[in-house]
Amino acid sequence: MADVELPADLLPLHVAAVRADRAMTTAREAGGDVEAAREEYLAAAAALEAHSFWEERRRAGDRHAFWQASFDAAKAALDSAAA
């Protein structure tokens, strides 16, 4: 994994998915419109999953490790922006 980097265009996609997931959780906890938030999440998740990088990682057998790294980078980006 050390010799393969996450594509630069992947982070914004994962940030959008994490942001939408958080919005869905917030809506659920506040009794808000969970369905609208869910639709936003599904669209963001589909765009993220459609990135060609994931197919490459599936073939290489290391998709999970890269998914976790991408997820962690997205959470860190959102958390640092909120701080």
PDB file of N, CA and C in Angstrom:
ATOM      1  N   MET A   1       0.823  -1.193   0.000  1.00  0.00           N
ATOM      2  CA  MET A   1       0.000   0.000   0.000  1.00  0.00           C
ATOM      3  C   MET A   1       0.863   1.251   0.000  1.00  0.00           C
ATOM      4  N   ALA A   2       2.074   1.153   0.501  1.00  0.00           N
ATOM      5  CA  ALA A   2       2.931   2.322   0.632  1.00  0.00           C
ATOM      6  C   ALA A   2       3.282   2.957  -0.707  1.00  0.00           C
ATOM      7  N   ASP A   3       3.324   2.166  -1.785  1.00  0.00           N
ATOM      8  CA  ASP A   3       3.717   2.727  -3.071  1.00  0.00           C
ATOM      9  C   ASP A   3       2.535   3.216  -3.910  1.00  0.00           C
ATOM     10  N   VAL A   4       1.324   3.095  -3.383  1.00  0.00           N
ATOM     11  CA  VAL A   4       0.132   3.568  -4.084  1.00  0.00           C
ATOM     12  C   VAL A   4      -0.507   4.669  -3.245  1.00  0.00           C
ATOM     13  N   GLU A   5      -0.744   5.799  -3.875  1.00  0.00           N
ATOM     14  CA  GLU A   5      -1.374   6.916  -3.169  1.00  0.00           C
ATOM     15  C   GLU A   5      -2.837   7.035  -3.566  1.00  0.00           C
ATOM     16  N   LEU A   6      -3.605   7.640  -2.688  1.00  0.00           N
ATOM     17  CA  LEU A   6      -5.004   7.926  -3.010  1.00  0.00           C
ATOM     18  C   LEU A   6      -5.046   9.015  -4.076  1.00  0.00           C
ATOM     19  N   PRO A   7      -5.866   8.869  -5.093  1.00  0.00           N
ATOM     20  CA  PRO A   7      -5.997   9.913  -6.110  1.00  0.00           C
ATOM     21  C   PRO A   7      -6.529  11.210  -5.488  1.00  0.00           C
ATOM     22  N   ALA A   8      -6.038  12.325  -5.959  1.00  0.00           N
ATOM     23  CA  ALA A   8      -6.445  13.623  -5.413  1.00  0.00           C
ATOM     24  C   ALA A   8      -7.937  13.878  -5.569  1.00  0.00           C
ATOM     25  N   ASP A   9      -8.531  13.363  -6.642  1.00  0.00           N
ATOM     26  CA  ASP A   9      -9.956  13.607  -6.862  1.00  0.00           C
ATOM     27  C   ASP A   9     -10.854  12.693  -6.038  1.00  0.00           C
ATOM     28  N   LEU A  10     -10.261  11.798  -5.265  1.00  0.00           N
ATOM     29  CA  LEU A  10     -11.047  10.892  -4.433  1.00  0.00           C
ATOM     30  C   LEU A  10     -11.487  11.551  -3.124  1.00  0.00           C
ATOM     31  N   LEU A  11     -10.635  12.381  -2.542  1.00  0.00           N
ATOM     32  CA  LEU A  11     -10.956  12.998  -1.253  1.00  0.00           C
ATOM     33  C   LEU A  11     -12.260  13.803  -1.279  1.00  0.00           C
ATOM     34  N   PRO A  12     -12.473  14.663  -2.264  1.00  0.00           N
ATOM     35  CA  PRO A  12     -13.745  15.401  -2.267  1.00  0.00           C
ATOM     36  C   PRO A  12     -14.972  14.488  -2.347  1.00  0.00           C
ATOM     37  N   LEU A  13     -14.840  13.372  -3.045  1.00  0.00           N
ATOM     38  CA  LEU A  13     -15.957  12.427  -3.133  1.00  0.00           C
ATOM     39  C   LEU A  13     -16.226  11.771  -1.782  1.00  0.00           C
ATOM     40  N   HIS A  14     -15.164  11.393  -1.096  1.00  0.00           N
ATOM     41  CA  HIS A  14     -15.345  10.747   0.200  1.00  0.00           C
ATOM     42  C   HIS A  14     -15.808  11.759   1.246  1.00  0.00           C
ATOM     43  N   VAL A  15     -15.318  12.987   1.168  1.00  0.00           N
ATOM     44  CA  VAL A  15     -15.791  14.045   2.072  1.00  0.00           C
ATOM     45  C   VAL A  15     -17.292  14.253   1.888  1.00  0.00           C
ATOM     46  N   ALA A  16     -17.738  14.295   0.648  1.00  0.00           N
ATOM     47  CA  ALA A  16     -19.172  14.483   0.383  1.00  0.00           C
ATOM     48  C   ALA A  16     -19.988  13.340   0.964  1.00  0.00           C
ATOM     49  N   ALA A  17     -19.489  12.114   0.860  1.00  0.00           N
ATOM     50  CA  ALA A  17     -20.219  10.965   1.406  1.00  0.00           C
ATOM     51  C   ALA A  17     -20.256  11.012   2.930  1.00  0.00           C
ATOM     52  N   VAL A  18     -19.148  11.343   3.554  1.00  0.00           N
ATOM     53  CA  VAL A  18     -19.114  11.423   5.020  1.00  0.00           C
ATOM     54  C   VAL A  18     -20.000  12.575   5.498  1.00  0.00           C
ATOM     55  N   ARG A  19     -19.933  13.705   4.809  1.00  0.00           N
ATOM     56  CA  ARG A  19     -20.777  14.850   5.177  1.00  0.00           C
ATOM     57  C   ARG A  19     -22.260  14.478   5.070  1.00  0.00           C
ATOM     58  N   ALA A  20     -22.620  13.788   3.995  1.00  0.00           N
ATOM     59  CA  ALA A  20     -24.016  13.380   3.805  1.00  0.00           C
ATOM     60  C   ALA A  20     -24.435  12.359   4.864  1.00  0.00           C
ATOM     61  N   ASP A  21     -23.533  11.466   5.221  1.00  0.00           N
ATOM     62  CA  ASP A  21     -23.835  10.487   6.274  1.00  0.00           C
ATOM     63  C   ASP A  21     -24.070  11.201   7.603  1.00  0.00           C
ATOM     64  N   ARG A  22     -23.241  12.167   7.901  1.00  0.00           N
ATOM     65  CA  ARG A  22     -23.421  12.936   9.140  1.00  0.00           C
ATOM     66  C   ARG A  22     -24.732  13.715   9.120  1.00  0.00           C
ATOM     67  N   ALA A  23     -25.094  14.259   7.974  1.00  0.00           N
ATOM     68  CA  ALA A  23     -26.353  14.996   7.853  1.00  0.00           C
ATOM     69  C   ALA A  23     -27.541  14.067   8.056  1.00  0.00           C
ATOM     70  N   MET A  24     -27.425  12.850   7.561  1.00  0.00           N
ATOM     71  CA  MET A  24     -28.494  11.875   7.740  1.00  0.00           C
ATOM     72  C   MET A  24     -28.652  11.533   9.226  1.00  0.00           C
ATOM     73  N   THR A  25     -27.546  11.345   9.911  1.00  0.00           N
ATOM     74  CA  THR A  25     -27.586  11.054  11.348  1.00  0.00           C
ATOM     75  C   THR A  25     -28.184  12.224  12.117  1.00  0.00           C
ATOM     76  N   THR A  26     -27.772  13.444  11.772  1.00  0.00           N
ATOM     77  CA  THR A  26     -28.302  14.640  12.429  1.00  0.00           C
ATOM     78  C   THR A  26     -29.802  14.760  12.201  1.00  0.00           C
ATOM     79  N   ALA A  27     -30.246  14.519  10.974  1.00  0.00           N
ATOM     80  CA  ALA A  27     -31.676  14.590  10.664  1.00  0.00           C
ATOM     81  C   ALA A  27     -32.459  13.557  11.464  1.00  0.00           C
ATOM     82  N   ARG A  28     -31.916  12.365  11.551  1.00  0.00           N
ATOM     83  CA  ARG A  28     -32.590  11.303  12.307  1.00  0.00           C
ATOM     84  C   ARG A  28     -32.704  11.679  13.781  1.00  0.00           C
ATOM     85  N   GLU A  29     -31.609  12.175  14.353  1.00  0.00           N
ATOM     86  CA  GLU A  29     -31.598  12.537  15.775  1.00  0.00           C
ATOM     87  C   GLU A  29     -32.505  13.720  16.069  1.00  0.00           C
ATOM     88  N   ALA A  30     -32.669  14.615  15.093  1.00  0.00           N
ATOM     89  CA  ALA A  30     -33.491  15.813  15.290  1.00  0.00           C
ATOM     90  C   ALA A  30     -34.939  15.602  14.852  1.00  0.00           C
ATOM     91  N   GLY A  31     -35.251  14.417  14.370  1.00  0.00           N
ATOM     92  CA  GLY A  31     -36.603  14.165  13.893  1.00  0.00           C
ATOM     93  C   GLY A  31     -36.903  14.868  12.588  1.00  0.00           C
ATOM     94  N   GLY A  32     -35.850  15.139  11.814  1.00  0.00           N
ATOM     95  CA  GLY A  32     -36.010  15.865  10.557  1.00  0.00           C
ATOM     96  C   GLY A  32     -36.284  14.947   9.376  1.00  0.00           C
ATOM     97  N   ASP A  33     -36.062  15.478   8.185  1.00  0.00           N
ATOM     98  CA  ASP A  33     -36.330  14.776   6.935  1.00  0.00           C
ATOM     99  C   ASP A  33     -35.188  13.812   6.613  1.00  0.00           C
ATOM    100  N   VAL A  34     -35.290  12.625   7.173  1.00  0.00           N
ATOM    101  CA  VAL A  34     -34.250  11.620   6.976  1.00  0.00           C
ATOM    102  C   VAL A  34     -34.220  11.147   5.531  1.00  0.00           C
ATOM    103  N   GLU A  35     -35.358  11.075   4.885  1.00  0.00           N
ATOM    104  CA  GLU A  35     -35.404  10.568   3.509  1.00  0.00           C
ATOM    105  C   GLU A  35     -34.610  11.468   2.555  1.00  0.00           C
ATOM    106  N   ALA A  36     -34.736  12.764   2.705  1.00  0.00           N
ATOM    107  CA  ALA A  36     -33.973  13.676   1.844  1.00  0.00           C
ATOM    108  C   ALA A  36     -32.473  13.525   2.108  1.00  0.00           C
ATOM    109  N   ALA A  37     -32.115  13.428   3.368  1.00  0.00           N
ATOM    110  CA  ALA A  37     -30.708  13.248   3.729  1.00  0.00           C
ATOM    111  C   ALA A  37     -30.193  11.905   3.215  1.00  0.00           C
ATOM    112  N   ARG A  38     -31.025  10.896   3.277  1.00  0.00           N
ATOM    113  CA  ARG A  38     -30.651   9.569   2.788  1.00  0.00           C
ATOM    114  C   ARG A  38     -30.409   9.598   1.284  1.00  0.00           C
ATOM    115  N   GLU A  39     -31.259  10.292   0.554  1.00  0.00           N
ATOM    116  CA  GLU A  39     -31.078  10.399  -0.896  1.00  0.00           C
ATOM    117  C   GLU A  39     -29.758  11.098  -1.231  1.00  0.00           C
ATOM    118  N   GLU A  40     -29.433  12.132  -0.483  1.00  0.00           N
ATOM    119  CA  GLU A  40     -28.161  12.839  -0.689  1.00  0.00           C
ATOM    120  C   GLU A  40     -26.994  11.901  -0.404  1.00  0.00           C
ATOM    121  N   TYR A  41     -27.108  11.134   0.668  1.00  0.00           N
ATOM    122  CA  TYR A  41     -26.055  10.184   1.016  1.00  0.00           C
ATOM    123  C   TYR A  41     -25.888   9.127  -0.081  1.00  0.00           C
ATOM    124  N   LEU A  42     -26.995   8.570  -0.551  1.00  0.00           N
ATOM    125  CA  LEU A  42     -26.918   7.536  -1.586  1.00  0.00           C
ATOM    126  C   LEU A  42     -26.260   8.066  -2.862  1.00  0.00           C
ATOM    127  N   ALA A  43     -26.570   9.294  -3.226  1.00  0.00           N
ATOM    128  CA  ALA A  43     -25.961   9.893  -4.415  1.00  0.00           C
ATOM    129  C   ALA A  43     -24.452  10.092  -4.216  1.00  0.00           C
ATOM    130  N   ALA A  44     -24.081  10.578  -3.035  1.00  0.00           N
ATOM    131  CA  ALA A  44     -22.657  10.799  -2.747  1.00  0.00           C
ATOM    132  C   ALA A  44     -21.906   9.473  -2.688  1.00  0.00           C
ATOM    133  N   ALA A  45     -22.512   8.476  -2.065  1.00  0.00           N
ATOM    134  CA  ALA A  45     -21.875   7.160  -1.959  1.00  0.00           C
ATOM    135  C   ALA A  45     -21.725   6.511  -3.339  1.00  0.00           C
ATOM    136  N   ALA A  46     -22.713   6.662  -4.182  1.00  0.00           N
ATOM    137  CA  ALA A  46     -22.638   6.101  -5.534  1.00  0.00           C
ATOM    138  C   ALA A  46     -21.522   6.764  -6.337  1.00  0.00           C
ATOM    139  N   ALA A  47     -21.392   8.075  -6.214  1.00  0.00           N
ATOM    140  CA  ALA A  47     -20.319   8.783  -6.927  1.00  0.00           C
ATOM    141  C   ALA A  47     -18.952   8.322  -6.423  1.00  0.00           C
ATOM    142  N   LEU A  48     -18.836   8.151  -5.126  1.00  0.00           N
ATOM    143  CA  LEU A  48     -17.578   7.684  -4.544  1.00  0.00           C
ATOM    144  C   LEU A  48     -17.258   6.273  -5.031  1.00  0.00           C
ATOM    145  N   GLU A  49     -18.215   5.404  -4.956  1.00  0.00           N
ATOM    146  CA  GLU A  49     -18.016   4.005  -5.345  1.00  0.00           C
ATOM    147  C   GLU A  49     -17.709   3.870  -6.840  1.00  0.00           C
ATOM    148  N   ALA A  50     -18.185   4.781  -7.652  1.00  0.00           N
ATOM    149  CA  ALA A  50     -17.979   4.715  -9.100  1.00  0.00           C
ATOM    150  C   ALA A  50     -16.561   5.107  -9.529  1.00  0.00           C
ATOM    151  N   HIS A  51     -15.783   5.659  -8.627  1.00  0.00           N
ATOM    152  CA  HIS A  51     -14.419   6.078  -8.984  1.00  0.00           C
ATOM    153  C   HIS A  51     -13.617   4.852  -9.433  1.00  0.00           C
ATOM    154  N   SER A  52     -12.898   4.984 -10.523  1.00  0.00           N
ATOM    155  CA  SER A  52     -12.156   3.860 -11.108  1.00  0.00           C
ATOM    156  C   SER A  52     -11.081   3.294 -10.168  1.00  0.00           C
ATOM    157  N   PHE A  53     -10.626   4.079  -9.229  1.00  0.00           N
ATOM    158  CA  PHE A  53      -9.609   3.633  -8.289  1.00  0.00           C
ATOM    159  C   PHE A  53     -10.048   2.381  -7.539  1.00  0.00           C
ATOM    160  N   TRP A  54     -11.339   2.297  -7.197  1.00  0.00           N
ATOM    161  CA  TRP A  54     -11.810   1.165  -6.390  1.00  0.00           C
ATOM    162  C   TRP A  54     -11.740  -0.145  -7.161  1.00  0.00           C
ATOM    163  N   GLU A  55     -11.979  -0.109  -8.440  1.00  0.00           N
ATOM    164  CA  GLU A  55     -11.867  -1.334  -9.232  1.00  0.00           C
ATOM    165  C   GLU A  55     -10.413  -1.805  -9.261  1.00  0.00           C
ATOM    166  N   GLU A  56      -9.497  -0.864  -9.410  1.00  0.00           N
ATOM    167  CA  GLU A  56      -8.075  -1.220  -9.386  1.00  0.00           C
ATOM    168  C   GLU A  56      -7.718  -1.883  -8.059  1.00  0.00           C
ATOM    169  N   ARG A  57      -8.223  -1.318  -6.971  1.00  0.00           N
ATOM    170  CA  ARG A  57      -7.917  -1.847  -5.637  1.00  0.00           C
ATOM    171  C   ARG A  57      -8.584  -3.199  -5.417  1.00  0.00           C
ATOM    172  N   ARG A  58      -9.776  -3.396  -5.985  1.00  0.00           N
ATOM    173  CA  ARG A  58     -10.432  -4.710  -5.879  1.00  0.00           C
ATOM    174  C   ARG A  58      -9.561  -5.780  -6.532  1.00  0.00           C
ATOM    175  N   ARG A  59      -9.090  -5.451  -7.742  1.00  0.00           N
ATOM    176  CA  ARG A  59      -8.242  -6.409  -8.471  1.00  0.00           C
ATOM    177  C   ARG A  59      -6.952  -6.695  -7.703  1.00  0.00           C
ATOM    178  N   ALA A  60      -6.422  -5.698  -7.039  1.00  0.00           N
ATOM    179  CA  ALA A  60      -5.178  -5.866  -6.279  1.00  0.00           C
ATOM    180  C   ALA A  60      -5.419  -6.540  -4.924  1.00  0.00           C
ATOM    181  N   GLY A  61      -6.676  -6.612  -4.502  1.00  0.00           N
ATOM    182  CA  GLY A  61      -7.010  -7.274  -3.246  1.00  0.00           C
ATOM    183  C   GLY A  61      -6.782  -6.437  -2.001  1.00  0.00           C
ATOM    184  N   ASP A  62      -6.645  -5.126  -2.178  1.00  0.00           N
ATOM    185  CA  ASP A  62      -6.381  -4.285  -1.008  1.00  0.00           C
ATOM    186  C   ASP A  62      -7.380  -3.119  -0.888  1.00  0.00           C
ATOM    187  N   ARG A  63      -8.558  -3.318  -1.436  1.00  0.00           N
ATOM    188  CA  ARG A  63      -9.566  -2.262  -1.433  1.00  0.00           C
ATOM    189  C   ARG A  63      -9.912  -1.793  -0.023  1.00  0.00           C
ATOM    190  N   HIS A  64     -10.077  -2.731   0.894  1.00  0.00           N
ATOM    191  CA  HIS A  64     -10.503  -2.361   2.245  1.00  0.00           C
ATOM    192  C   HIS A  64      -9.512  -1.410   2.915  1.00  0.00           C
ATOM    193  N   ALA A  65      -8.233  -1.703   2.805  1.00  0.00           N
ATOM    194  CA  ALA A  65      -7.215  -0.841   3.426  1.00  0.00           C
ATOM    195  C   ALA A  65      -7.253   0.563   2.839  1.00  0.00           C
ATOM    196  N   PHE A  66      -7.420   0.649   1.520  1.00  0.00           N
ATOM    197  CA  PHE A  66      -7.484   1.964   0.894  1.00  0.00           C
ATOM    198  C   PHE A  66      -8.788   2.679   1.220  1.00  0.00           C
ATOM    199  N   TRP A  67      -9.882   1.913   1.318  1.00  0.00           N
ATOM    200  CA  TRP A  67     -11.161   2.524   1.691  1.00  0.00           C
ATOM    201  C   TRP A  67     -11.033   3.149   3.076  1.00  0.00           C
ATOM    202  N   GLN A  68     -10.437   2.427   4.001  1.00  0.00           N
ATOM    203  CA  GLN A  68     -10.277   2.939   5.357  1.00  0.00           C
ATOM    204  C   GLN A  68      -9.395   4.182   5.369  1.00  0.00           C
ATOM    205  N   ALA A  69      -8.316   4.162   4.596  1.00  0.00           N
ATOM    206  CA  ALA A  69      -7.428   5.325   4.524  1.00  0.00           C
ATOM    207  C   ALA A  69      -8.160   6.530   3.939  1.00  0.00           C
ATOM    208  N   SER A  70      -8.960   6.299   2.915  1.00  0.00           N
ATOM    209  CA  SER A  70      -9.721   7.380   2.299  1.00  0.00           C
ATOM    210  C   SER A  70     -10.779   7.917   3.264  1.00  0.00           C
ATOM    211  N   PHE A  71     -11.450   7.005   3.956  1.00  0.00           N
ATOM    212  CA  PHE A  71     -12.460   7.393   4.948  1.00  0.00           C
ATOM    213  C   PHE A  71     -11.826   8.214   6.065  1.00  0.00           C
ATOM    214  N   ASP A  72     -10.696   7.763   6.567  1.00  0.00           N
ATOM    215  CA  ASP A  72     -10.000   8.483   7.642  1.00  0.00           C
ATOM    216  C   ASP A  72      -9.573   9.878   7.173  1.00  0.00           C
ATOM    217  N   ALA A  73      -9.100   9.982   5.939  1.00  0.00           N
ATOM    218  CA  ALA A  73      -8.691  11.284   5.396  1.00  0.00           C
ATOM    219  C   ALA A  73      -9.901  12.208   5.257  1.00  0.00           C
ATOM    220  N   ALA A  74     -11.030  11.661   4.841  1.00  0.00           N
ATOM    221  CA  ALA A  74     -12.245  12.472   4.699  1.00  0.00           C
ATOM    222  C   ALA A  74     -12.728  12.969   6.055  1.00  0.00           C
ATOM    223  N   LYS A  75     -12.748  12.085   7.054  1.00  0.00           N
ATOM    224  CA  LYS A  75     -13.157  12.497   8.405  1.00  0.00           C
ATOM    225  C   LYS A  75     -12.219  13.568   8.941  1.00  0.00           C
ATOM    226  N   ALA A  76     -10.926  13.389   8.747  1.00  0.00           N
ATOM    227  CA  ALA A  76      -9.949  14.381   9.227  1.00  0.00           C
ATOM    228  C   ALA A  76     -10.151  15.722   8.540  1.00  0.00           C
ATOM    229  N   ALA A  77     -10.421  15.701   7.248  1.00  0.00           N
ATOM    230  CA  ALA A  77     -10.647  16.960   6.524  1.00  0.00           C
ATOM    231  C   ALA A  77     -11.875  17.678   7.047  1.00  0.00           C
ATOM    232  N   LEU A  78     -12.950  16.939   7.282  1.00  0.00           N
ATOM    233  CA  LEU A  78     -14.168  17.559   7.815  1.00  0.00           C
ATOM    234  C   LEU A  78     -13.982  18.055   9.242  1.00  0.00           C
ATOM    235  N   ASP A  79     -13.323  17.252  10.062  1.00  0.00           N
ATOM    236  CA  ASP A  79     -13.116  17.628  11.458  1.00  0.00           C
ATOM    237  C   ASP A  79     -12.185  18.835  11.582  1.00  0.00           C
ATOM    238  N   SER A  80     -11.169  18.918  10.731  1.00  0.00           N
ATOM    239  CA  SER A  80     -10.275  20.068  10.795  1.00  0.00           C
ATOM    240  C   SER A  80     -10.945  21.330  10.286  1.00  0.00           C
ATOM    241  N   ALA A  81     -11.856  21.181   9.332  1.00  0.00           N
ATOM    242  CA  ALA A  81     -12.600  22.332   8.819  1.00  0.00           C
ATOM    243  C   ALA A  81     -13.574  22.859   9.873  1.00  0.00           C
ATOM    244  N   ALA A  82     -14.084  21.958  10.708  1.00  0.00           N
ATOM    245  CA  ALA A  82     -15.031  22.350  11.753  1.00  0.00           C
ATOM    246  C   ALA A  82     -14.353  22.976  12.948  1.00  0.00           C
ATOM    247  N   ALA A  83     -13.063  22.704  13.105  1.00  0.00           N
ATOM    248  CA  ALA A  83     -12.333  23.215  14.286  1.00  0.00           C
ATOM    249  C   ALA A  83     -11.965  24.665  14.169  1.00  0.00           C
TER     250      ALA A  83
END
